[in-house]
Every structure is written in structure tokens, then in C-alpha cells.
Amino acid sequence: MSVITIKSNELTVSIKSFGAELTSIKDNSGKEYLWQGNPDVWPNQAPVLFPIVSRLRNGSRPGVYMFDGKEYEMGIHGFAKISEFEVESHSENTATFLLKSNDTTRAQYPFDFEFRVVYTVDGRNLKVDFLTDNKSECDMYYSTGSHEGYACPGGVSNYTVVFDEDEAIDRYEVTADGSIGEIPTPILRGGREIKLDDSYFAIDALIFFDVKSRGLSVRDDRTGEKIHVAYPGFDTLLIWSKPGAELVCIEPWAGAPDLSWKPYDDLKDKYRIRKLSPGKREILTHTITF
């Protein structure tokens, strides 16, 4: 494993090759914006999710899915987060990390692919590109997403999520088996702000399927400072923390957890799974502004 550092005139960003995971985001004053990990709370910092997001909870056994009549097994959020990436390129302000299909991935996921994570820093902006290339001779079905954890000194009750637009949205609940419950709970009806509280995360996450805003801010209510996350191409949004933890994760996903009311027989029928034709590439980008 190696650690790569990229810089702008205002930010210094470090990424490790294992999982292509962010490990530090600091400004010129030395302020650290990224959660620094704690094995007793949440040991990760910003795992990259591919080729699934969340848990596989469809069917009789957790972690199992079917494709073309064959059974496969995969852990939560897929295998990118526990894979060593190749550092394909690296300059002062950008770095590209590459994961290719191999015997280990094919045992879990029967497609040939190239998956790149590109980090580019410009001023106070960090752009994160997910580039997925289908190298198979058939359609490829996948999901991807981000899971950056931002440091929240003093706990999440000091912070508010502010959407870019007024929203009329519901949150979905995680059920006992890890799938998503059918009946949502209203959380916003015409406003933009969700005042965070540990009670939101007593079970798992705030999960949104119908967010109009293509970005949001996490605001420190004590200082007014904000971190803004823009996610134009993603169709699912999660906000996650753990009660008592000094972090919050803003998670744009291209894909979704399994739905308790929508079982499927084959991966291609999974809710919000993405289909990529042979030889094609899809690029999904989110940008974080500090």
C-alpha cells in the first residue's frame, strides 16, 4: 500500500492505494476535514463502493445474489474498498487509481471491468470521478458510490444539513434484516434544512430516493462554516453517522440497497442497478467544496 498526496494552493489531500480511499483533507491552517478513523467507532474514513452499494439482502441468505442462473456472494459495499488499486497516474493536483477485474473479483462478480477513481484538487474544491469501463462481452450490471466521513467535533447535534433547493422528501428505514422498509417517514415538506441528531442514526442511516437538490451543505451551527457536496449524476443519497460519534458521512450513490418489498431473481433486476454495454464507459462525479 502506498499513500499519494495531491495539493492545490489551499488544500492538501492524501489517498491510500488500498481501496483508493481518502485519508486526509487539510487546508493551509492545518484544519483536518476528514474523519480520522477509530476502530471502536468506525475504522474507515472514505470507502469507495463498487460494484454494489449497501448489503445484499435479497433471498434466503445474506450477501448472495444470482446472475444468469449462477449464485455469487459479496460483502457489504462490494470489494473495491478492500482491494489494492494501481496508482495509474499522479501529478501535483491529481491522481488516478485503477482496479481491474481478476480471479478474486470474478469469483464474486462475473464481469471484466476497469474501475478508476480520479481525485483532482483545485483551490478549495476536491473533484472525485468514478470511471467504470465494461470490458466484458455482455452487458455489465453494477452500482457505485461514495462514503466520505467528515469530522464533526462536538458531535452531529452541532450540525445542520442544508439542501440546495427546497425539498418534499421522505426517509426510508432499515429493517431488521438490513433491507429497506416499505413505508417511508416524512422528513421535509418544503424546507431545506435537517438539524442533525443522534436519534436519526439509532438504527442506521437517513436514506433518500427522491431528492431534487443536486447538492447539499453540512453546516457547523456554531461557526457557520460549511462543507458542500455536489452530486449531479447520482440517484440515491444517504446521510450516516453513529450515535455519539464525531462524524457524518454524506453518501451519493448510483444504486440502492435491496428493498424489502421488491425481491428480484437476477442481479439485472435489482432496484436502481446500472447497466453498461460492452466496451462502454460511464463517468460519475461528485465535488466537495471546503
Protein backbone atom coordinates (compact mmCIF):
# COMPACT_ATOMS: atom_id res chain seq x y z
CA MET A 1 0.00 0.00 0.00
CA SER A 2 1.19 3.50 -0.83
CA VAL A 3 -0.13 6.92 0.15
CA ILE A 4 -0.36 9.61 -2.55
CA THR A 5 -0.61 13.31 -1.78
CA ILE A 6 -2.06 15.95 -4.09
CA LYS A 7 -2.20 19.70 -3.47
CA SER A 8 -3.75 22.96 -4.55
CA ASN A 9 -2.92 26.40 -3.25
CA GLU A 10 -5.50 25.85 -0.46
CA LEU A 11 -5.85 22.11 0.21
CA THR A 12 -3.61 19.09 0.79
CA VAL A 13 -5.26 15.73 0.14
CA SER A 14 -3.88 12.25 0.86
CA ILE A 15 -5.20 9.00 -0.61
CA LYS A 16 -4.06 5.45 0.03
CA SER A 17 -3.82 2.92 -2.78
CA PHE A 18 -5.65 0.30 -0.70
CA GLY A 19 -9.26 0.96 -1.54
CA ALA A 20 -8.33 4.25 -3.29
CA GLU A 21 -9.54 5.75 -0.01
CA LEU A 22 -9.09 9.32 1.17
CA THR A 23 -7.10 9.55 4.40
CA SER A 24 -6.69 13.31 4.93
CA ILE A 25 -8.05 16.63 3.67
CA LYS A 26 -6.38 19.66 5.24
CA ASP A 27 -6.42 23.37 4.49
CA ASN A 28 -3.45 25.72 4.85
CA SER A 29 -4.21 26.30 8.52
CA GLY A 30 -3.81 22.59 9.20
CA LYS A 31 -7.52 22.01 9.81
CA GLU A 32 -8.45 18.39 9.14
CA TYR A 33 -11.84 17.94 7.47
CA LEU A 34 -11.85 14.16 7.13
CA TRP A 35 -12.77 11.77 9.93
CA GLN A 36 -9.53 10.14 11.08
CA GLY A 37 -10.95 6.76 11.99
CA ASN A 38 -11.49 4.95 15.26
CA PRO A 39 -11.70 1.14 15.44
CA ASP A 40 -14.15 1.39 18.33
CA VAL A 41 -16.50 3.68 16.40
CA TRP A 42 -15.93 3.37 12.64
CA PRO A 43 -12.47 2.36 11.40
CA ASN A 44 -12.93 3.65 7.84
CA GLN A 45 -12.65 7.20 6.53
CA ALA A 46 -14.00 7.35 2.98
CA PRO A 47 -14.51 3.91 1.43
CA VAL A 48 -15.22 3.68 -2.30
CA LEU A 49 -18.25 1.49 -3.07
CA PHE A 50 -18.15 -0.84 -6.11
CA PRO A 51 -19.65 -2.95 -7.69
CA ILE A 52 -22.56 -2.86 -5.22
CA VAL A 53 -23.72 -0.44 -2.57
CA SER A 54 -25.03 -1.50 0.83
CA ARG A 55 -25.80 -5.12 1.76
CA LEU A 56 -27.24 -7.82 -0.41
CA ARG A 57 -30.38 -8.84 1.50
CA ASN A 58 -32.49 -10.36 -1.28
CA GLY A 59 -33.35 -14.04 -0.86
CA SER A 60 -32.71 -16.60 1.84
CA ARG A 61 -29.03 -15.91 2.58
CA PRO A 62 -27.43 -12.50 3.21
CA GLY A 63 -24.71 -11.47 0.78
CA VAL A 64 -25.85 -13.76 -2.02
CA TYR A 65 -27.21 -12.87 -5.46
CA MET A 66 -27.93 -14.66 -8.73
CA PHE A 67 -26.77 -13.80 -12.22
CA ASP A 68 -27.63 -15.93 -15.27
CA GLY A 69 -28.59 -18.83 -13.04
CA LYS A 70 -25.38 -18.88 -11.01
CA GLU A 71 -25.00 -17.89 -7.36
CA TYR A 72 -22.41 -15.36 -6.18
CA GLU A 73 -21.54 -13.98 -2.78
CA MET A 74 -20.25 -10.48 -1.96
CA GLY A 75 -19.79 -8.47 1.22
CA ILE A 76 -21.24 -5.09 2.11
CA HIS A 77 -20.46 -2.30 -0.40
CA GLY A 78 -18.56 -4.67 -2.70
CA PHE A 79 -14.84 -5.38 -2.94
CA ALA A 80 -13.25 -2.11 -4.11
CA LYS A 81 -12.86 -0.92 -0.53
CA ILE A 82 -10.76 -3.98 0.33
CA SER A 83 -8.73 -4.10 -2.90
CA GLU A 84 -5.30 -2.75 -3.72
CA PHE A 85 -5.54 -0.22 -6.57
CA GLU A 86 -2.78 0.56 -9.04
CA VAL A 87 -1.62 4.18 -8.99
CA GLU A 88 -2.06 4.74 -12.72
CA SER A 89 -1.01 8.39 -12.75
CA HIS A 90 -0.07 11.11 -10.28
CA SER A 91 0.72 14.81 -10.63
CA GLU A 92 0.76 17.72 -8.23
CA ASN A 93 -3.01 18.20 -8.17
CA THR A 94 -4.49 14.92 -9.46
CA ALA A 95 -4.16 11.17 -9.00
CA THR A 96 -5.79 8.22 -10.77
CA PHE A 97 -6.27 4.83 -9.09
CA LEU A 98 -7.13 1.74 -11.16
CA LEU A 99 -8.75 -1.57 -10.23
CA LYS A 100 -9.02 -4.28 -12.90
CA SER A 101 -11.04 -7.47 -12.80
CA ASN A 102 -9.05 -10.52 -11.74
CA ASP A 103 -9.59 -14.05 -10.46
CA THR A 104 -10.55 -12.77 -7.00
CA THR A 105 -13.16 -10.34 -8.32
CA ARG A 106 -14.58 -12.82 -10.85
CA ALA A 107 -15.30 -15.28 -8.05
CA GLN A 108 -17.67 -12.66 -6.60
CA TYR A 109 -18.70 -10.73 -9.69
CA PRO A 110 -18.71 -12.35 -13.16
CA PHE A 111 -17.69 -9.35 -15.27
CA ASP A 112 -14.48 -7.98 -16.75
CA PHE A 113 -14.06 -4.31 -15.93
CA GLU A 114 -11.72 -1.43 -15.27
CA PHE A 115 -12.74 0.86 -12.43
CA ARG A 116 -10.89 4.13 -11.87
CA VAL A 117 -11.12 6.68 -9.10
CA VAL A 118 -9.69 10.08 -10.05
CA TYR A 119 -9.08 12.76 -7.42
CA THR A 120 -8.43 16.33 -8.56
CA VAL A 121 -7.93 19.27 -6.24
CA ASP A 122 -8.44 22.87 -7.38
CA GLY A 123 -8.46 25.67 -4.83
CA ARG A 124 -10.89 24.56 -2.13
CA ASN A 125 -12.61 22.01 -4.39
CA LEU A 126 -11.96 18.27 -4.45
CA LYS A 127 -13.43 16.54 -7.51
CA VAL A 128 -13.92 12.78 -7.35
CA ASP A 129 -14.58 10.90 -10.60
CA PHE A 130 -15.67 7.25 -10.78
CA LEU A 131 -14.89 5.84 -14.25
CA THR A 132 -16.35 2.42 -14.98
CA ASP A 133 -15.39 0.56 -18.17
CA ASN A 134 -17.16 -2.62 -19.23
CA LYS A 135 -14.53 -4.97 -20.67
CA SER A 136 -16.96 -7.90 -20.89
CA GLU A 137 -18.69 -9.17 -23.99
CA CYS A 138 -22.08 -8.81 -22.32
CA ASP A 139 -23.97 -6.08 -20.51
CA MET A 140 -22.49 -5.34 -17.09
CA TYR A 141 -24.65 -4.58 -14.05
CA TYR A 142 -23.18 -2.54 -11.22
CA SER A 143 -23.59 0.17 -8.61
CA THR A 144 -21.08 2.62 -7.18
CA GLY A 145 -20.99 5.37 -4.62
CA SER A 146 -19.02 7.37 -2.09
CA HIS A 147 -18.89 7.20 1.69
CA GLU A 148 -16.73 10.15 2.83
CA GLY A 149 -16.79 10.72 6.57
CA TYR A 150 -16.42 14.35 7.65
CA ALA A 151 -15.13 15.31 11.07
CA CYS A 152 -17.82 16.82 13.33
CA PRO A 153 -16.08 17.98 16.52
CA GLY A 154 -18.52 18.03 19.38
CA GLY A 155 -20.94 15.63 17.69
CA VAL A 156 -23.57 15.83 14.96
CA SER A 157 -26.06 17.76 17.10
CA ASN A 158 -23.96 20.85 16.34
CA TYR A 159 -24.54 20.48 12.59
CA THR A 160 -27.31 21.01 10.06
CA VAL A 161 -27.70 19.58 6.55
CA VAL A 162 -28.80 22.27 4.11
CA PHE A 163 -30.09 21.16 0.69
CA ASP A 164 -29.53 23.36 -2.34
CA GLU A 165 -33.28 23.51 -3.01
CA ASP A 166 -36.50 23.26 -1.04
CA GLU A 167 -37.42 19.60 -0.65
CA ALA A 168 -40.50 17.48 -0.06
CA ILE A 169 -38.83 14.21 0.81
CA ASP A 170 -39.25 11.09 2.93
CA ARG A 171 -36.64 8.98 4.65
CA TYR A 172 -36.62 5.20 4.39
CA GLU A 173 -35.88 2.89 7.31
CA VAL A 174 -33.50 -0.05 7.52
CA THR A 175 -35.32 -3.22 8.58
CA ALA A 176 -34.08 -5.94 10.92
CA ASP A 177 -32.56 -7.94 8.05
CA GLY A 178 -30.73 -4.92 6.56
CA SER A 179 -33.08 -4.28 3.64
CA ILE A 180 -35.18 -1.13 3.25
CA GLY A 181 -38.66 -0.95 4.72
CA GLU A 182 -41.64 -0.18 2.51
CA ILE A 183 -43.25 2.66 4.45
CA PRO A 184 -41.23 5.92 4.47
CA THR A 185 -41.33 8.67 7.08
CA PRO A 186 -41.74 12.33 6.05
CA ILE A 187 -38.74 14.45 6.98
CA LEU A 188 -39.03 17.66 4.93
CA ARG A 189 -42.09 19.32 3.48
CA GLY A 190 -40.94 22.43 1.64
CA GLY A 191 -37.82 23.33 3.59
CA ARG A 192 -34.10 22.89 3.05
CA GLU A 193 -32.66 22.14 6.49
CA ILE A 194 -32.36 18.98 8.57
CA LYS A 195 -30.97 19.63 12.03
CA LEU A 196 -28.90 16.53 12.77
CA ASP A 197 -29.41 14.50 15.91
CA ASP A 198 -28.08 11.14 17.10
CA SER A 199 -31.61 9.72 17.10
CA TYR A 200 -31.63 9.73 13.29
CA PHE A 201 -28.83 7.16 13.32
CA ALA A 202 -30.02 4.85 16.08
CA ILE A 203 -30.67 2.09 13.52
CA ASP A 204 -28.58 3.08 10.52
CA ALA A 205 -28.87 5.97 8.05
CA LEU A 206 -31.13 8.58 6.54
CA ILE A 207 -31.92 7.15 3.10
CA PHE A 208 -33.47 9.30 0.35
CA PHE A 209 -34.64 8.17 -3.10
CA ASP A 210 -36.29 11.32 -4.45
CA VAL A 211 -34.04 14.27 -3.64
CA LYS A 212 -34.45 17.16 -6.07
CA SER A 213 -31.30 19.01 -4.97
CA ARG A 214 -28.10 18.11 -6.76
CA GLY A 215 -26.03 19.22 -3.80
CA LEU A 216 -26.12 19.95 -0.09
CA SER A 217 -24.03 21.54 2.65
CA VAL A 218 -23.11 20.35 6.13
CA ARG A 219 -23.09 23.47 8.31
CA ASP A 220 -21.42 23.89 11.68
CA ASP A 221 -24.12 25.83 13.51
CA ARG A 222 -21.58 27.26 15.96
CA THR A 223 -19.37 28.90 13.34
CA GLY A 224 -21.39 28.92 10.10
CA GLU A 225 -18.64 27.00 8.30
CA LYS A 226 -19.85 24.65 5.56
CA ILE A 227 -18.74 21.68 3.53
CA HIS A 228 -20.66 21.44 0.26
CA VAL A 229 -21.12 18.20 -1.71
CA ALA A 230 -22.41 18.35 -5.30
CA TYR A 231 -23.60 15.02 -6.77
CA PRO A 232 -25.23 15.69 -10.16
CA GLY A 233 -25.28 12.14 -11.57
CA PHE A 234 -26.27 10.10 -8.51
CA ASP A 235 -29.79 8.82 -7.84
CA THR A 236 -29.73 7.87 -4.14
CA LEU A 237 -28.50 9.84 -1.14
CA LEU A 238 -27.57 8.65 2.33
CA ILE A 239 -26.57 10.57 5.43
CA TRP A 240 -24.98 8.36 8.07
CA SER A 241 -23.35 8.58 11.46
CA LYS A 242 -23.24 6.57 14.68
CA PRO A 243 -24.76 7.82 17.93
CA GLY A 244 -22.12 9.66 19.92
CA ALA A 245 -19.61 9.74 17.04
CA GLU A 246 -17.99 12.97 15.89
CA LEU A 247 -18.50 12.34 12.19
CA VAL A 248 -21.12 12.44 9.48
CA CYS A 249 -20.99 10.70 6.11
CA ILE A 250 -22.58 12.24 3.01
CA GLU A 251 -23.05 9.39 0.55
CA PRO A 252 -24.16 9.94 -3.06
CA TRP A 253 -24.90 6.52 -4.57
CA ALA A 254 -25.58 5.33 -8.09
CA GLY A 255 -27.63 2.38 -6.92
CA ALA A 256 -29.61 1.46 -3.84
CA PRO A 257 -29.94 -1.05 -1.01
CA ASP A 258 -32.22 -4.03 -1.52
CA LEU A 259 -35.89 -3.23 -0.97
CA SER A 260 -37.93 -5.47 1.34
CA TRP A 261 -40.98 -5.12 -0.93
CA LYS A 262 -39.22 -5.62 -4.26
CA PRO A 263 -37.50 -9.02 -4.46
CA TYR A 264 -35.59 -9.94 -7.61
CA ASP A 265 -34.37 -13.16 -9.18
CA ASP A 266 -31.33 -11.82 -11.03
CA LEU A 267 -28.81 -9.01 -10.49
CA LYS A 268 -30.04 -7.24 -13.62
CA ASP A 269 -33.41 -6.73 -11.91
CA LYS A 270 -32.03 -5.22 -8.68
CA TYR A 271 -33.50 -1.80 -7.84
CA ARG A 272 -31.52 1.04 -9.44
CA ILE A 273 -28.80 -1.27 -10.75
CA ARG A 274 -26.91 0.34 -13.64
CA LYS A 275 -26.45 -1.37 -17.00
CA LEU A 276 -23.30 -0.72 -19.03
CA SER A 277 -23.00 -2.07 -22.58
CA PRO A 278 -19.86 -3.90 -23.75
CA GLY A 279 -16.98 -1.54 -24.45
CA LYS A 280 -18.75 1.43 -22.88
CA ARG A 281 -17.65 3.78 -20.09
CA GLU A 282 -19.69 5.65 -17.51
CA ILE A 283 -18.33 8.61 -15.53
CA LEU A 284 -19.95 9.75 -12.29
CA THR A 285 -18.63 12.79 -10.47
CA HIS A 286 -19.14 14.41 -7.12
CA THR A 287 -17.35 17.55 -5.97
CA ILE A 288 -16.62 18.54 -2.39
CA THR A 289 -16.00 22.20 -1.52
CA PHE A 290 -14.42 23.14 1.81
